[in-house]
Amino acid sequence: MSRIRIDDSAEYWWSLPCSLLRDSRLSYEARGVACHLLSLGRNWQLRAVALPRVLHDQSRAKGHLGRDLCRRILREFED
């Protein structure tokens, strides 16, 4: 059986509402982006045009999410 260890010395811990993680109206990508954005804290600001560069994805060729994907995710949040 696999075990996951959590570093107790980590500085920041955030609680996420289960309703966000279980919202079937959102894609898994949108849920991941929401978790990332919520982890930034209270006083952050981010422009939508900068979102593709901020959200790195090592599995993609360019290393970041594309503009169209970020726009789709933002539309999911608005809906």
N, C-alpha and C. Protein backbone atom coordinates (compact mmCIF):
# COMPACT_ATOMS: atom_id res chain seq x y z
N MET A 1 0.84 -1.18 0.00
CA MET A 1 0.00 0.00 0.00
C MET A 1 0.89 1.24 0.00
N SER A 2 0.56 2.21 -0.82
CA SER A 2 1.32 3.45 -0.91
C SER A 2 1.00 4.36 0.26
N ARG A 3 1.99 5.14 0.65
CA ARG A 3 1.80 6.12 1.71
C ARG A 3 2.17 7.49 1.20
N ILE A 4 1.42 8.45 1.64
CA ILE A 4 1.72 9.84 1.30
C ILE A 4 2.11 10.53 2.60
N ARG A 5 3.27 11.12 2.61
CA ARG A 5 3.72 11.84 3.81
C ARG A 5 3.54 13.33 3.58
N ILE A 6 3.11 14.00 4.62
CA ILE A 6 2.89 15.44 4.57
C ILE A 6 3.92 16.10 5.46
N ASP A 7 4.59 17.09 4.95
CA ASP A 7 5.60 17.81 5.70
C ASP A 7 4.92 18.73 6.71
N ASP A 8 5.03 18.39 7.99
CA ASP A 8 4.39 19.18 9.04
C ASP A 8 5.04 20.54 9.22
N SER A 9 6.25 20.71 8.72
CA SER A 9 6.94 21.98 8.91
C SER A 9 6.61 22.99 7.81
N ALA A 10 5.77 22.64 6.89
CA ALA A 10 5.40 23.56 5.81
C ALA A 10 4.77 24.81 6.40
N GLU A 11 5.11 25.96 5.83
CA GLU A 11 4.65 27.24 6.36
C GLU A 11 3.16 27.48 6.18
N TYR A 12 2.65 27.13 5.04
CA TYR A 12 1.27 27.51 4.72
C TYR A 12 0.40 26.29 4.49
N TRP A 13 -0.78 26.36 5.07
CA TRP A 13 -1.80 25.34 4.85
C TRP A 13 -3.09 26.05 4.50
N TRP A 14 -3.78 25.57 3.50
CA TRP A 14 -5.03 26.19 3.07
C TRP A 14 -6.12 25.14 3.09
N SER A 15 -7.28 25.56 3.47
CA SER A 15 -8.46 24.69 3.39
C SER A 15 -9.21 25.03 2.12
N LEU A 16 -9.63 24.01 1.42
CA LEU A 16 -10.41 24.21 0.21
C LEU A 16 -11.80 23.63 0.44
N PRO A 17 -12.82 24.33 -0.04
CA PRO A 17 -14.16 23.77 0.11
C PRO A 17 -14.32 22.52 -0.77
N CYS A 18 -14.89 21.49 -0.19
CA CYS A 18 -15.12 20.25 -0.95
C CYS A 18 -16.04 20.50 -2.14
N SER A 19 -16.93 21.48 -1.99
CA SER A 19 -17.85 21.77 -3.10
C SER A 19 -17.10 22.21 -4.35
N LEU A 20 -15.98 22.90 -4.18
CA LEU A 20 -15.16 23.29 -5.33
C LEU A 20 -14.55 22.07 -5.98
N LEU A 21 -14.02 21.19 -5.18
CA LEU A 21 -13.34 20.01 -5.72
C LEU A 21 -14.31 19.01 -6.34
N ARG A 22 -15.56 19.03 -5.90
CA ARG A 22 -16.55 18.08 -6.41
C ARG A 22 -17.51 18.68 -7.43
N ASP A 23 -17.31 19.92 -7.80
CA ASP A 23 -18.22 20.60 -8.73
C ASP A 23 -18.07 20.00 -10.12
N SER A 24 -19.03 19.23 -10.54
CA SER A 24 -18.94 18.55 -11.83
C SER A 24 -19.10 19.50 -13.01
N ARG A 25 -19.49 20.74 -12.77
CA ARG A 25 -19.59 21.72 -13.85
C ARG A 25 -18.22 22.20 -14.29
N LEU A 26 -17.21 22.01 -13.44
CA LEU A 26 -15.85 22.44 -13.75
C LEU A 26 -15.02 21.25 -14.22
N SER A 27 -14.17 21.50 -15.20
CA SER A 27 -13.24 20.46 -15.65
C SER A 27 -12.16 20.28 -14.58
N TYR A 28 -11.42 19.19 -14.70
CA TYR A 28 -10.32 18.97 -13.76
C TYR A 28 -9.27 20.08 -13.89
N GLU A 29 -9.08 20.56 -15.10
CA GLU A 29 -8.12 21.66 -15.30
C GLU A 29 -8.57 22.91 -14.55
N ALA A 30 -9.85 23.22 -14.64
CA ALA A 30 -10.37 24.41 -13.96
C ALA A 30 -10.28 24.25 -12.45
N ARG A 31 -10.53 23.06 -11.95
CA ARG A 31 -10.41 22.83 -10.50
C ARG A 31 -8.98 23.01 -10.04
N GLY A 32 -8.04 22.54 -10.84
CA GLY A 32 -6.62 22.70 -10.50
C GLY A 32 -6.20 24.16 -10.51
N VAL A 33 -6.66 24.90 -11.50
CA VAL A 33 -6.36 26.34 -11.57
C VAL A 33 -6.97 27.06 -10.38
N ALA A 34 -8.20 26.72 -10.03
CA ALA A 34 -8.85 27.34 -8.88
C ALA A 34 -8.05 27.08 -7.61
N CYS A 35 -7.59 25.86 -7.42
CA CYS A 35 -6.78 25.53 -6.24
C CYS A 35 -5.50 26.34 -6.23
N HIS A 36 -4.86 26.47 -7.38
CA HIS A 36 -3.63 27.25 -7.46
C HIS A 36 -3.88 28.71 -7.13
N LEU A 37 -4.93 29.27 -7.70
CA LEU A 37 -5.23 30.69 -7.46
C LEU A 37 -5.61 30.93 -6.00
N LEU A 38 -6.35 30.02 -5.40
CA LEU A 38 -6.72 30.17 -3.99
C LEU A 38 -5.50 30.06 -3.07
N SER A 39 -4.49 29.34 -3.51
CA SER A 39 -3.30 29.17 -2.67
C SER A 39 -2.42 30.42 -2.65
N LEU A 40 -2.69 31.37 -3.54
CA LEU A 40 -1.86 32.57 -3.61
C LEU A 40 -2.09 33.52 -2.44
N GLY A 41 -3.18 33.36 -1.72
CA GLY A 41 -3.44 34.20 -0.57
C GLY A 41 -4.49 35.26 -0.86
N ARG A 42 -4.58 36.22 0.05
CA ARG A 42 -5.66 37.20 -0.03
C ARG A 42 -5.35 38.42 -0.89
N ASN A 43 -4.13 38.90 -0.85
CA ASN A 43 -3.82 40.20 -1.47
C ASN A 43 -3.06 40.07 -2.78
N TRP A 44 -3.39 39.11 -3.58
CA TRP A 44 -2.72 38.94 -4.85
C TRP A 44 -3.57 39.51 -5.97
N GLN A 45 -2.92 39.90 -7.02
CA GLN A 45 -3.61 40.37 -8.23
C GLN A 45 -2.95 39.73 -9.43
N LEU A 46 -3.76 39.33 -10.37
CA LEU A 46 -3.24 38.66 -11.56
C LEU A 46 -4.12 39.05 -12.73
N ARG A 47 -3.50 39.49 -13.79
CA ARG A 47 -4.26 39.82 -15.01
C ARG A 47 -4.51 38.54 -15.81
N ALA A 48 -5.65 38.51 -16.45
CA ALA A 48 -6.02 37.32 -17.22
C ALA A 48 -5.01 37.02 -18.32
N VAL A 49 -4.43 38.07 -18.92
CA VAL A 49 -3.46 37.85 -20.00
C VAL A 49 -2.17 37.21 -19.48
N ALA A 50 -1.87 37.35 -18.19
CA ALA A 50 -0.66 36.77 -17.62
C ALA A 50 -0.88 35.33 -17.14
N LEU A 51 -2.11 34.91 -17.07
CA LEU A 51 -2.43 33.60 -16.54
C LEU A 51 -1.71 32.45 -17.25
N PRO A 52 -1.64 32.44 -18.59
CA PRO A 52 -0.93 31.32 -19.26
C PRO A 52 0.53 31.20 -18.85
N ARG A 53 1.20 32.33 -18.62
CA ARG A 53 2.62 32.28 -18.24
C ARG A 53 2.80 31.88 -16.78
N VAL A 54 1.83 32.23 -15.94
CA VAL A 54 1.92 31.93 -14.52
C VAL A 54 1.66 30.45 -14.25
N LEU A 55 0.75 29.86 -14.99
CA LEU A 55 0.37 28.46 -14.77
C LEU A 55 1.23 27.54 -15.61
N HIS A 56 2.30 27.07 -15.04
CA HIS A 56 3.22 26.20 -15.76
C HIS A 56 2.72 24.77 -15.74
N ASP A 57 2.90 24.09 -16.83
CA ASP A 57 2.54 22.68 -16.96
C ASP A 57 3.68 21.99 -17.69
N GLN A 58 4.46 21.22 -16.97
CA GLN A 58 5.64 20.59 -17.56
C GLN A 58 5.30 19.55 -18.62
N SER A 59 4.07 19.08 -18.65
CA SER A 59 3.70 18.07 -19.64
C SER A 59 3.44 18.68 -21.01
N ARG A 60 3.34 19.99 -21.07
CA ARG A 60 3.08 20.65 -22.34
C ARG A 60 4.40 21.08 -22.99
N ALA A 61 4.42 21.15 -24.31
CA ALA A 61 5.64 21.45 -25.05
C ALA A 61 6.23 22.80 -24.66
N LYS A 62 5.40 23.82 -24.51
CA LYS A 62 5.90 25.16 -24.21
C LYS A 62 6.08 25.39 -22.71
N GLY A 63 5.61 24.47 -21.89
CA GLY A 63 5.79 24.60 -20.46
C GLY A 63 4.76 25.46 -19.77
N HIS A 64 3.79 25.96 -20.50
CA HIS A 64 2.73 26.75 -19.88
C HIS A 64 1.40 26.44 -20.55
N LEU A 65 0.33 26.81 -19.89
CA LEU A 65 -0.99 26.59 -20.48
C LEU A 65 -1.21 27.61 -21.60
N GLY A 66 -1.90 27.21 -22.61
CA GLY A 66 -2.14 28.10 -23.73
C GLY A 66 -3.20 29.15 -23.42
N ARG A 67 -3.20 30.19 -24.24
CA ARG A 67 -4.14 31.30 -24.09
C ARG A 67 -5.58 30.82 -24.20
N ASP A 68 -5.86 29.98 -25.18
CA ASP A 68 -7.23 29.51 -25.38
C ASP A 68 -7.71 28.65 -24.21
N LEU A 69 -6.84 27.79 -23.69
CA LEU A 69 -7.20 26.97 -22.54
C LEU A 69 -7.49 27.84 -21.33
N CYS A 70 -6.67 28.84 -21.09
CA CYS A 70 -6.90 29.74 -19.95
C CYS A 70 -8.21 30.51 -20.12
N ARG A 71 -8.51 30.92 -21.32
CA ARG A 71 -9.79 31.61 -21.57
C ARG A 71 -10.97 30.69 -21.30
N ARG A 72 -10.85 29.43 -21.72
CA ARG A 72 -11.94 28.47 -21.48
C ARG A 72 -12.14 28.26 -19.98
N ILE A 73 -11.06 28.14 -19.25
CA ILE A 73 -11.14 27.95 -17.80
C ILE A 73 -11.78 29.16 -17.14
N LEU A 74 -11.41 30.36 -17.55
CA LEU A 74 -12.01 31.56 -16.98
C LEU A 74 -13.51 31.63 -17.29
N ARG A 75 -13.89 31.19 -18.50
CA ARG A 75 -15.34 31.14 -18.84
C ARG A 75 -16.06 30.15 -17.94
N GLU A 76 -15.42 29.02 -17.64
CA GLU A 76 -16.03 28.04 -16.74
C GLU A 76 -16.28 28.67 -15.37
N PHE A 77 -15.32 29.45 -14.88
CA PHE A 77 -15.50 30.11 -13.60
C PHE A 77 -16.66 31.11 -13.65
N GLU A 78 -16.76 31.85 -14.74
CA GLU A 78 -17.84 32.84 -14.86
C GLU A 78 -19.20 32.18 -14.93
N ASP A 79 -19.27 31.05 -15.65
CA ASP A 79 -20.54 30.34 -15.79
C ASP A 79 -20.98 29.77 -14.47
